[in-house]
């Protein structure tokens, strides 16, 4: 009987506590959601604020050049190559890059499609040729990513981890590869996406380095070769293995 009386008096208190708990839970959920939306909005604003912008005169030049559908015009210029790591006194090398066309997305060059990977340099080269294109040269690829100002990232001089698919935790986990163009802030001033991270991209090695096949741009996870525009690793000519993080995009002559 005493227990019943106690419960009778505690009943309104229990109801009040439950109501308070529910309200607190809803309030906290709303706060968390608002914080998440604010964070996403901040990232979106940063993506727009820091993105390289083409001057008006450059945009006029681009409109006078023709590229195949799905490709962006990359105006040529002087590419500054860094000195070799083992020679700090070596002066930077400047290479002239002619105006060219580049796929906007990693092959198959379709927005929101997962890039094709697990193919050799020869496979990638054949696909580009079959479409009337070619693989990008190493200098073209680097110029499209770094620009004439030699920035380390396609979007900025400063690494911003949310920009591109570069924050995967497990090295070699191909499940971290995302659809092309799914990171809206990850593009250069010409609108070419995913030059940093996601998948490494096969390129034609520059003259004097053609005893190896090069892939550029890093991947979706941290690796010893990095994820910047200057990230580069190679496979020997005899290496016929197919790697799950090696993809490509095509280039073509501008008209």
Foldseek 3Di string as FASTA:
>chain_A
DVVVVVCVVCVVVVVVVVVVVVVVVVVVVVVVVVVVVVVVVVVVVCLVVQFDADDPVVVVVQVVWDDPPQKFKDAKDWAWADDDPVCNPDHTDIDTDHIWIWHQWFPVSDFFAFHDFQADLVVQQVVQVVVVFGFAALRRLLCQALPNVRAFGQGHNDDDPLQALEADADPQPLVSQGGICPRVSAHHNRNRGDLFARAWAWHQYDPPPRQWTKTAQYYNYDDPQGRTSNRMDTGGPPDRGTGSRYTHITMHGMD
